[in-house]
PDB file of N, CA and C in Angstrom:
ATOM      1  N   MET A   1      71.564  42.835  40.708  1.00  0.00           N
ATOM      2  CA  MET A   1      72.915  42.510  40.314  1.00  0.00           C
ATOM      3  C   MET A   1      73.151  41.011  40.260  1.00  0.00           C
ATOM      4  N   GLN A   2      72.222  40.228  40.789  1.00  0.00           N
ATOM      5  CA  GLN A   2      72.453  38.789  40.863  1.00  0.00           C
ATOM      6  C   GLN A   2      72.380  38.109  39.502  1.00  0.00           C
ATOM      7  N   TYR A   3      71.751  38.736  38.511  1.00  0.00           N
ATOM      8  CA  TYR A   3      71.611  38.104  37.206  1.00  0.00           C
ATOM      9  C   TYR A   3      72.745  38.467  36.245  1.00  0.00           C
ATOM     10  N   ARG A   4      73.606  39.358  36.657  1.00  0.00           N
ATOM     11  CA  ARG A   4      74.721  39.757  35.809  1.00  0.00           C
ATOM     12  C   ARG A   4      75.929  38.882  36.095  1.00  0.00           C
ATOM     13  N   PRO A   5      76.793  38.710  35.105  1.00  0.00           N
ATOM     14  CA  PRO A   5      78.017  37.942  35.373  1.00  0.00           C
ATOM     15  C   PRO A   5      78.917  38.702  36.340  1.00  0.00           C
ATOM     16  N   LYS A   6      79.710  37.960  37.086  1.00  0.00           N
ATOM     17  CA  LYS A   6      80.574  38.572  38.101  1.00  0.00           C
ATOM     18  C   LYS A   6      81.590  39.527  37.485  1.00  0.00           C
ATOM     19  N   SER A   7      82.048  39.247  36.259  1.00  0.00           N
ATOM     20  CA  SER A   7      83.005  40.155  35.630  1.00  0.00           C
ATOM     21  C   SER A   7      82.379  41.528  35.398  1.00  0.00           C
ATOM     22  N   HIS A   8      81.070  41.567  35.193  1.00  0.00           N
ATOM     23  CA  HIS A   8      80.372  42.827  34.990  1.00  0.00           C
ATOM     24  C   HIS A   8      80.478  43.708  36.244  1.00  0.00           C
ATOM     25  N   HIS A   9      80.422  43.119  37.400  1.00  0.00           N
ATOM     26  CA  HIS A   9      80.515  43.872  38.648  1.00  0.00           C
ATOM     27  C   HIS A   9      81.842  44.622  38.717  1.00  0.00           C
ATOM     28  N   TRP A  10      82.915  43.935  38.388  1.00  0.00           N
ATOM     29  CA  TRP A  10      84.241  44.555  38.481  1.00  0.00           C
ATOM     30  C   TRP A  10      84.429  45.608  37.405  1.00  0.00           C
ATOM     31  N   ILE A  11      83.854  45.415  36.237  1.00  0.00           N
ATOM     32  CA  ILE A  11      83.946  46.414  35.177  1.00  0.00           C
ATOM     33  C   ILE A  11      83.208  47.686  35.591  1.00  0.00           C
ATOM     34  N   VAL A  12      82.025  47.532  36.161  1.00  0.00           N
ATOM     35  CA  VAL A  12      81.262  48.694  36.619  1.00  0.00           C
ATOM     36  C   VAL A  12      82.033  49.428  37.711  1.00  0.00           C
ATOM     37  N   LEU A  13      82.613  48.690  38.642  1.00  0.00           N
ATOM     38  CA  LEU A  13      83.385  49.322  39.705  1.00  0.00           C
ATOM     39  C   LEU A  13      84.606  50.041  39.146  1.00  0.00           C
ATOM     40  N   LEU A  14      85.275  49.443  38.169  1.00  0.00           N
ATOM     41  CA  LEU A  14      86.427  50.080  37.543  1.00  0.00           C
ATOM     42  C   LEU A  14      86.016  51.365  36.833  1.00  0.00           C
ATOM     43  N   LEU A  15      84.907  51.343  36.099  1.00  0.00           N
ATOM     44  CA  LEU A  15      84.441  52.543  35.412  1.00  0.00           C
ATOM     45  C   LEU A  15      84.048  53.642  36.396  1.00  0.00           C
ATOM     46  N   GLU A  16      83.427  53.274  37.500  1.00  0.00           N
ATOM     47  CA  GLU A  16      83.087  54.261  38.525  1.00  0.00           C
ATOM     48  C   GLU A  16      84.349  54.895  39.107  1.00  0.00           C
ATOM     49  N   PHE A  17      85.367  54.078  39.345  1.00  0.00           N
ATOM     50  CA  PHE A  17      86.620  54.603  39.877  1.00  0.00           C
ATOM     51  C   PHE A  17      87.295  55.525  38.868  1.00  0.00           C
ATOM     52  N   ILE A  18      87.246  55.177  37.589  1.00  0.00           N
ATOM     53  CA  ILE A  18      87.829  56.032  36.554  1.00  0.00           C
ATOM     54  C   ILE A  18      87.095  57.373  36.499  1.00  0.00           C
ATOM     55  N   ASN A  19      85.767  57.359  36.538  1.00  0.00           N
ATOM     56  CA  ASN A  19      84.995  58.605  36.575  1.00  0.00           C
ATOM     57  C   ASN A  19      85.380  59.451  37.776  1.00  0.00           C
ATOM     58  N   TRP A  20      85.494  58.818  38.921  1.00  0.00           N
ATOM     59  CA  TRP A  20      85.850  59.516  40.152  1.00  0.00           C
ATOM     60  C   TRP A  20      87.230  60.163  40.017  1.00  0.00           C
ATOM     61  N   GLY A  21      88.186  59.407  39.510  1.00  0.00           N
ATOM     62  CA  GLY A  21      89.548  59.918  39.369  1.00  0.00           C
ATOM     63  C   GLY A  21      89.659  61.032  38.348  1.00  0.00           C
ATOM     64  N   LEU A  22      88.945  60.913  37.229  1.00  0.00           N
ATOM     65  CA  LEU A  22      89.010  61.955  36.205  1.00  0.00           C
ATOM     66  C   LEU A  22      88.393  63.261  36.684  1.00  0.00           C
ATOM     67  N   PHE A  23      87.286  63.180  37.400  1.00  0.00           N
ATOM     68  CA  PHE A  23      86.706  64.420  37.889  1.00  0.00           C
ATOM     69  C   PHE A  23      87.518  65.010  39.027  1.00  0.00           C
ATOM     70  N   LEU A  24      88.230  64.204  39.767  1.00  0.00           N
ATOM     71  CA  LEU A  24      89.170  64.745  40.751  1.00  0.00           C
ATOM     72  C   LEU A  24      90.291  65.492  40.031  1.00  0.00           C
ATOM     73  N   ALA A  25      90.763  64.949  38.908  1.00  0.00           N
ATOM     74  CA  ALA A  25      91.802  65.621  38.121  1.00  0.00           C
ATOM     75  C   ALA A  25      91.283  66.936  37.541  1.00  0.00           C
ATOM     76  N   VAL A  26      90.023  66.949  37.081  1.00  0.00           N
ATOM     77  CA  VAL A  26      89.421  68.190  36.580  1.00  0.00           C
ATOM     78  C   VAL A  26      89.346  69.215  37.688  1.00  0.00           C
ATOM     79  N   TRP A  27      88.937  68.781  38.853  1.00  0.00           N
ATOM     80  CA  TRP A  27      88.820  69.661  40.014  1.00  0.00           C
ATOM     81  C   TRP A  27      90.179  70.269  40.350  1.00  0.00           C
ATOM     82  N   ILE A  28      91.214  69.469  40.378  1.00  0.00           N
ATOM     83  CA  ILE A  28      92.557  69.954  40.697  1.00  0.00           C
ATOM     84  C   ILE A  28      93.055  70.896  39.605  1.00  0.00           C
ATOM     85  N   GLY A  29      92.811  70.560  38.350  1.00  0.00           N
ATOM     86  CA  GLY A  29      93.229  71.423  37.244  1.00  0.00           C
ATOM     87  C   GLY A  29      92.554  72.786  37.288  1.00  0.00           C
ATOM     88  N   LEU A  30      91.264  72.805  37.557  1.00  0.00           N
ATOM     89  CA  LEU A  30      90.557  74.080  37.653  1.00  0.00           C
ATOM     90  C   LEU A  30      91.006  74.867  38.875  1.00  0.00           C
ATOM     91  N   ALA A  31      91.288  74.176  39.973  1.00  0.00           N
ATOM     92  CA  ALA A  31      91.780  74.870  41.164  1.00  0.00           C
ATOM     93  C   ALA A  31      93.117  75.537  40.875  1.00  0.00           C
ATOM     94  N   ASP A  32      93.956  74.875  40.107  1.00  0.00           N
ATOM     95  CA  ASP A  32      95.237  75.464  39.742  1.00  0.00           C
ATOM     96  C   ASP A  32      95.041  76.645  38.797  1.00  0.00           C
ATOM     97  N   ALA A  33      94.077  76.549  37.900  1.00  0.00           N
ATOM     98  CA  ALA A  33      93.839  77.630  36.939  1.00  0.00           C
ATOM     99  C   ALA A  33      93.324  78.897  37.609  1.00  0.00           C
ATOM    100  N   ILE A  34      92.589  78.765  38.711  1.00  0.00           N
ATOM    101  CA  ILE A  34      92.041  79.956  39.366  1.00  0.00           C
ATOM    102  C   ILE A  34      92.809  80.336  40.623  1.00  0.00           C
ATOM    103  N   SER A  35      93.892  79.642  40.892  1.00  0.00           N
ATOM    104  CA  SER A  35      94.639  79.930  42.114  1.00  0.00           C
ATOM    105  C   SER A  35      95.231  81.338  42.077  1.00  0.00           C
ATOM    106  N   CYS A  36      95.291  81.968  43.233  1.00  0.00           N
ATOM    107  CA  CYS A  36      95.810  83.334  43.321  1.00  0.00           C
ATOM    108  C   CYS A  36      97.325  83.381  43.184  1.00  0.00           C
ATOM    109  N   ASP A  37      98.004  82.284  43.404  1.00  0.00           N
ATOM    110  CA  ASP A  37      99.457  82.297  43.347  1.00  0.00           C
ATOM    111  C   ASP A  37      99.971  82.263  41.914  1.00  0.00           C
ATOM    112  N   THR A  38      99.523  81.291  41.139  1.00  0.00           N
ATOM    113  CA  THR A  38     100.064  81.117  39.791  1.00  0.00           C
ATOM    114  C   THR A  38      98.985  81.017  38.727  1.00  0.00           C
ATOM    115  N   GLY A  39      97.744  81.153  39.092  1.00  0.00           N
ATOM    116  CA  GLY A  39      96.655  80.921  38.151  1.00  0.00           C
ATOM    117  C   GLY A  39      96.442  82.043  37.168  1.00  0.00           C
ATOM    118  N   HIS A  40      95.614  81.772  36.182  1.00  0.00           N
ATOM    119  CA  HIS A  40      95.310  82.737  35.137  1.00  0.00           C
ATOM    120  C   HIS A  40      94.336  83.804  35.611  1.00  0.00           C
ATOM    121  N   CYS A  41      93.652  83.552  36.695  1.00  0.00           N
ATOM    122  CA  CYS A  41      92.646  84.490  37.187  1.00  0.00           C
ATOM    123  C   CYS A  41      93.115  85.218  38.435  1.00  0.00           C
ATOM    124  N   ALA A  42      94.414  85.382  38.575  1.00  0.00           N
ATOM    125  CA  ALA A  42      94.954  86.072  39.738  1.00  0.00           C
ATOM    126  C   ALA A  42      95.007  87.572  39.477  1.00  0.00           C
ATOM    127  N   ASP A  43      94.464  88.323  40.387  1.00  0.00           N
ATOM    128  CA  ASP A  43      94.527  89.775  40.341  1.00  0.00           C
ATOM    129  C   ASP A  43      95.908  90.207  40.827  1.00  0.00           C
ATOM    130  N   PRO A  44      96.495  91.243  40.250  1.00  0.00           N
ATOM    131  CA  PRO A  44      97.816  91.681  40.727  1.00  0.00           C
ATOM    132  C   PRO A  44      97.847  92.026  42.213  1.00  0.00           C
ATOM    133  N   SER A  45      96.689  92.389  42.787  1.00  0.00           N
ATOM    134  CA  SER A  45      96.649  92.712  44.217  1.00  0.00           C
ATOM    135  C   SER A  45      96.560  91.461  45.089  1.00  0.00           C
ATOM    136  N   GLY A  46      96.471  90.293  44.475  1.00  0.00           N
ATOM    137  CA  GLY A  46      96.435  89.049  45.229  1.00  0.00           C
ATOM    138  C   GLY A  46      95.073  88.403  45.318  1.00  0.00           C
ATOM    139  N   GLY A  47      94.057  89.013  44.753  1.00  0.00           N
ATOM    140  CA  GLY A  47      92.715  88.442  44.782  1.00  0.00           C
ATOM    141  C   GLY A  47      92.389  87.706  43.498  1.00  0.00           C
ATOM    142  N   HIS A  48      91.105  87.566  43.262  1.00  0.00           N
ATOM    143  CA  HIS A  48      90.629  86.905  42.046  1.00  0.00           C
ATOM    144  C   HIS A  48      90.096  87.953  41.077  1.00  0.00           C
ATOM    145  N   LEU A  49      90.315  87.725  39.795  1.00  0.00           N
ATOM    146  CA  LEU A  49      89.730  88.578  38.774  1.00  0.00           C
ATOM    147  C   LEU A  49      88.273  88.189  38.573  1.00  0.00           C
ATOM    148  N   HIS A  50      87.431  89.183  38.342  1.00  0.00           N
ATOM    149  CA  HIS A  50      86.013  88.911  38.089  1.00  0.00           C
ATOM    150  C   HIS A  50      85.655  89.378  36.693  1.00  0.00           C
ATOM    151  N   ILE A  51      86.242  88.702  35.723  1.00  0.00           N
ATOM    152  CA  ILE A  51      85.926  88.935  34.323  1.00  0.00           C
ATOM    153  C   ILE A  51      85.234  87.680  33.800  1.00  0.00           C
ATOM    154  N   ASN A  52      84.603  87.773  32.646  1.00  0.00           N
ATOM    155  CA  ASN A  52      83.799  86.650  32.142  1.00  0.00           C
ATOM    156  C   ASN A  52      84.566  85.334  32.049  1.00  0.00           C
ATOM    157  N   PRO A  53      85.772  85.282  31.475  1.00  0.00           N
ATOM    158  CA  PRO A  53      86.456  83.987  31.418  1.00  0.00           C
ATOM    159  C   PRO A  53      86.735  83.398  32.802  1.00  0.00           C
ATOM    160  N   CYS A  54      87.098  84.245  33.732  1.00  0.00           N
ATOM    161  CA  CYS A  54      87.377  83.738  35.085  1.00  0.00           C
ATOM    162  C   CYS A  54      86.093  83.328  35.805  1.00  0.00           C
ATOM    163  N   ASN A  55      85.017  84.080  35.586  1.00  0.00           N
ATOM    164  CA  ASN A  55      83.743  83.690  36.191  1.00  0.00           C
ATOM    165  C   ASN A  55      83.279  82.335  35.657  1.00  0.00           C
ATOM    166  N   THR A  56      83.559  82.068  34.381  1.00  0.00           N
ATOM    167  CA  THR A  56      83.242  80.762  33.815  1.00  0.00           C
ATOM    168  C   THR A  56      84.051  79.672  34.506  1.00  0.00           C
ATOM    169  N   LEU A  57      85.327  79.934  34.751  1.00  0.00           N
ATOM    170  CA  LEU A  57      86.162  78.958  35.464  1.00  0.00           C
ATOM    171  C   LEU A  57      85.668  78.736  36.886  1.00  0.00           C
ATOM    172  N   TYR A  58      85.228  79.797  37.559  1.00  0.00           N
ATOM    173  CA  TYR A  58      84.704  79.642  38.922  1.00  0.00           C
ATOM    174  C   TYR A  58      83.456  78.767  38.926  1.00  0.00           C
ATOM    175  N   GLY A  59      82.571  78.992  37.950  1.00  0.00           N
ATOM    176  CA  GLY A  59      81.366  78.163  37.846  1.00  0.00           C
ATOM    177  C   GLY A  59      81.695  76.713  37.539  1.00  0.00           C
ATOM    178  N   ALA A  60      82.638  76.508  36.612  1.00  0.00           N
ATOM    179  CA  ALA A  60      83.045  75.141  36.276  1.00  0.00           C
ATOM    180  C   ALA A  60      83.688  74.460  37.476  1.00  0.00           C
ATOM    181  N   PHE A  61      84.437  75.212  38.256  1.00  0.00           N
ATOM    182  CA  PHE A  61      85.063  74.664  39.453  1.00  0.00           C
ATOM    183  C   PHE A  61      84.007  74.198  40.457  1.00  0.00           C
ATOM    184  N   GLY A  62      83.007  75.034  40.683  1.00  0.00           N
ATOM    185  CA  GLY A  62      81.931  74.657  41.604  1.00  0.00           C
ATOM    186  C   GLY A  62      81.164  73.435  41.124  1.00  0.00           C
ATOM    187  N   LEU A  63      80.865  73.394  39.836  1.00  0.00           N
ATOM    188  CA  LEU A  63      80.148  72.235  39.293  1.00  0.00           C
ATOM    189  C   LEU A  63      81.002  70.975  39.316  1.00  0.00           C
ATOM    190  N   SER A  64      82.312  71.121  39.099  1.00  0.00           N
ATOM    191  CA  SER A  64      83.174  69.930  39.146  1.00  0.00           C
ATOM    192  C   SER A  64      83.239  69.362  40.559  1.00  0.00           C
ATOM    193  N   ILE A  65      83.190  70.228  41.561  1.00  0.00           N
ATOM    194  CA  ILE A  65      83.143  69.742  42.951  1.00  0.00           C
ATOM    195  C   ILE A  65      81.844  68.982  43.189  1.00  0.00           C
ATOM    196  N   ALA A  66      80.722  69.547  42.726  1.00  0.00           N
ATOM    197  CA  ALA A  66      79.434  68.881  42.917  1.00  0.00           C
ATOM    198  C   ALA A  66      79.398  67.538  42.203  1.00  0.00           C
ATOM    199  N   VAL A  67      79.900  67.485  40.977  1.00  0.00           N
ATOM    200  CA  VAL A  67      79.907  66.230  40.224  1.00  0.00           C
ATOM    201  C   VAL A  67      80.845  65.223  40.868  1.00  0.00           C
ATOM    202  N   TRP A  68      81.978  65.680  41.392  1.00  0.00           N
ATOM    203  CA  TRP A  68      82.906  64.771  42.061  1.00  0.00           C
ATOM    204  C   TRP A  68      82.261  64.166  43.307  1.00  0.00           C
ATOM    205  N   ILE A  69      81.510  64.957  44.034  1.00  0.00           N
ATOM    206  CA  ILE A  69      80.803  64.431  45.207  1.00  0.00           C
ATOM    207  C   ILE A  69      79.778  63.379  44.768  1.00  0.00           C
ATOM    208  N   LEU A  70      79.059  63.643  43.682  1.00  0.00           N
ATOM    209  CA  LEU A  70      78.090  62.664  43.177  1.00  0.00           C
ATOM    210  C   LEU A  70      78.782  61.384  42.713  1.00  0.00           C
ATOM    211  N   PHE A  71      79.941  61.521  42.045  1.00  0.00           N
ATOM    212  CA  PHE A  71      80.691  60.328  41.640  1.00  0.00           C
ATOM    213  C   PHE A  71      81.211  59.569  42.855  1.00  0.00           C
ATOM    214  N   THR A  72      81.558  60.280  43.923  1.00  0.00           N
ATOM    215  CA  THR A  72      81.991  59.612  45.153  1.00  0.00           C
ATOM    216  C   THR A  72      80.855  58.786  45.732  1.00  0.00           C
ATOM    217  N   LEU A  73      79.650  59.372  45.774  1.00  0.00           N
ATOM    218  CA  LEU A  73      78.492  58.631  46.274  1.00  0.00           C
ATOM    219  C   LEU A  73      78.189  57.423  45.391  1.00  0.00           C
ATOM    220  N   SER A  74      78.278  57.607  44.095  1.00  0.00           N
ATOM    221  CA  SER A  74      78.034  56.508  43.167  1.00  0.00           C
ATOM    222  C   SER A  74      79.054  55.392  43.364  1.00  0.00           C
ATOM    223  N   LEU A  75      80.311  55.757  43.522  1.00  0.00           N
ATOM    224  CA  LEU A  75      81.358  54.764  43.757  1.00  0.00           C
ATOM    225  C   LEU A  75      81.105  53.999  45.054  1.00  0.00           C
ATOM    226  N   VAL A  76      80.684  54.702  46.094  1.00  0.00           N
ATOM    227  CA  VAL A  76      80.393  54.039  47.371  1.00  0.00           C
ATOM    228  C   VAL A  76      79.213  53.086  47.222  1.00  0.00           C
ATOM    229  N   PHE A  77      78.141  53.535  46.566  1.00  0.00           N
ATOM    230  CA  PHE A  77      76.963  52.682  46.428  1.00  0.00           C
ATOM    231  C   PHE A  77      77.246  51.444  45.584  1.00  0.00           C
ATOM    232  N   VAL A  78      78.005  51.599  44.505  1.00  0.00           N
ATOM    233  CA  VAL A  78      78.355  50.441  43.685  1.00  0.00           C
ATOM    234  C   VAL A  78      79.249  49.487  44.472  1.00  0.00           C
ATOM    235  N   SER A  79      80.192  50.025  45.228  1.00  0.00           N
ATOM    236  CA  SER A  79      81.074  49.177  46.043  1.00  0.00           C
ATOM    237  C   SER A  79      80.288  48.406  47.098  1.00  0.00           C
ATOM    238  N   VAL A  80      79.346  49.078  47.738  1.00  0.00           N
ATOM    239  CA  VAL A  80      78.525  48.412  48.755  1.00  0.00           C
ATOM    240  C   VAL A  80      77.672  47.321  48.110  1.00  0.00           C
ATOM    241  N   ALA A  81      77.091  47.592  46.941  1.00  0.00           N
ATOM    242  CA  ALA A  81      76.261  46.591  46.269  1.00  0.00           C
ATOM    243  C   ALA A  81      77.088  45.371  45.876  1.00  0.00           C
ATOM    244  N   ILE A  82      78.291  45.600  45.365  1.00  0.00           N
ATOM    245  CA  ILE A  82      79.150  44.469  44.993  1.00  0.00           C
ATOM    246  C   ILE A  82      79.583  43.704  46.230  1.00  0.00           C
ATOM    247  N   ASN A  83      79.883  44.414  47.304  1.00  0.00           N
ATOM    248  CA  ASN A  83      80.276  43.753  48.552  1.00  0.00           C
ATOM    249  C   ASN A  83      79.140  42.890  49.096  1.00  0.00           C
ATOM    250  N   ARG A  84      77.922  43.411  49.073  1.00  0.00           N
ATOM    251  CA  ARG A  84      76.767  42.625  49.539  1.00  0.00           C
ATOM    252  C   ARG A  84      76.567  41.386  48.679  1.00  0.00           C
ATOM    253  N   GLU A  85      76.707  41.552  47.375  1.00  0.00           N
ATOM    254  CA  GLU A  85      76.527  40.424  46.464  1.00  0.00           C
ATOM    255  C   GLU A  85      77.595  39.358  46.710  1.00  0.00           C
ATOM    256  N   MET A  86      78.823  39.797  46.946  1.00  0.00           N
ATOM    257  CA  MET A  86      79.897  38.838  47.204  1.00  0.00           C
ATOM    258  C   MET A  86      79.679  38.113  48.531  1.00  0.00           C
ATOM    259  N   ARG A  87      79.219  38.843  49.544  1.00  0.00           N
ATOM    260  CA  ARG A  87      78.937  38.207  50.848  1.00  0.00           C
ATOM    261  C   ARG A  87      77.795  37.204  50.724  1.00  0.00           C
ATOM    262  N   LYS A  88      76.769  37.583  49.972  1.00  0.00           N
ATOM    263  CA  LYS A  88      75.630  36.687  49.792  1.00  0.00           C
ATOM    264  C   LYS A  88      76.051  35.436  49.029  1.00  0.00           C
ATOM    265  N   ALA A  89      76.918  35.593  48.042  1.00  0.00           N
ATOM    266  CA  ALA A  89      77.379  34.444  47.255  1.00  0.00           C
ATOM    267  C   ALA A  89      78.229  33.501  48.105  1.00  0.00           C
ATOM    268  N   THR A  90      79.021  34.045  49.031  1.00  0.00           N
ATOM    269  CA  THR A  90      79.861  33.184  49.862  1.00  0.00           C
ATOM    270  C   THR A  90      79.053  32.489  50.957  1.00  0.00           C
ATOM    271  N   THR A  91      77.986  33.121  51.445  1.00  0.00           N
ATOM    272  CA  THR A  91      77.178  32.480  52.488  1.00  0.00           C
ATOM    273  C   THR A  91      76.250  31.403  51.913  1.00  0.00           C
ATOM    274  N   GLU A  92      75.918  31.519  50.621  1.00  0.00           N
ATOM    275  CA  GLU A  92      75.048  30.524  50.004  1.00  0.00           C
ATOM    276  C   GLU A  92      75.772  29.215  49.715  1.00  0.00           C
ATOM    277  N   LYS A  93      77.077  29.264  49.625  1.00  0.00           N
ATOM    278  CA  LYS A  93      77.848  28.046  49.278  1.00  0.00           C
ATOM    279  C   LYS A  93      77.957  27.108  50.432  1.00  0.00           C
TER     280      LYS A  93
END
């Protein structure tokens, strides 16, 4: 990261945060779609429907959680790398 301009660091961090936020929104949207209270996959008895469209939503929900966790790790690693670079730049002066 030392050979890149400093503005590049902040752009990468901003893009990582946007990815993190968008997948959190996807996760929340899918959770609402499959919720037993008001969702589209609610069984009249209060459970979940197990039909193909709902099973697809359940799979997408699980994958969105996994991707959100990966984006969280990516955001943390990029933040740590930028923090280290900033600390190194201030100690060299």
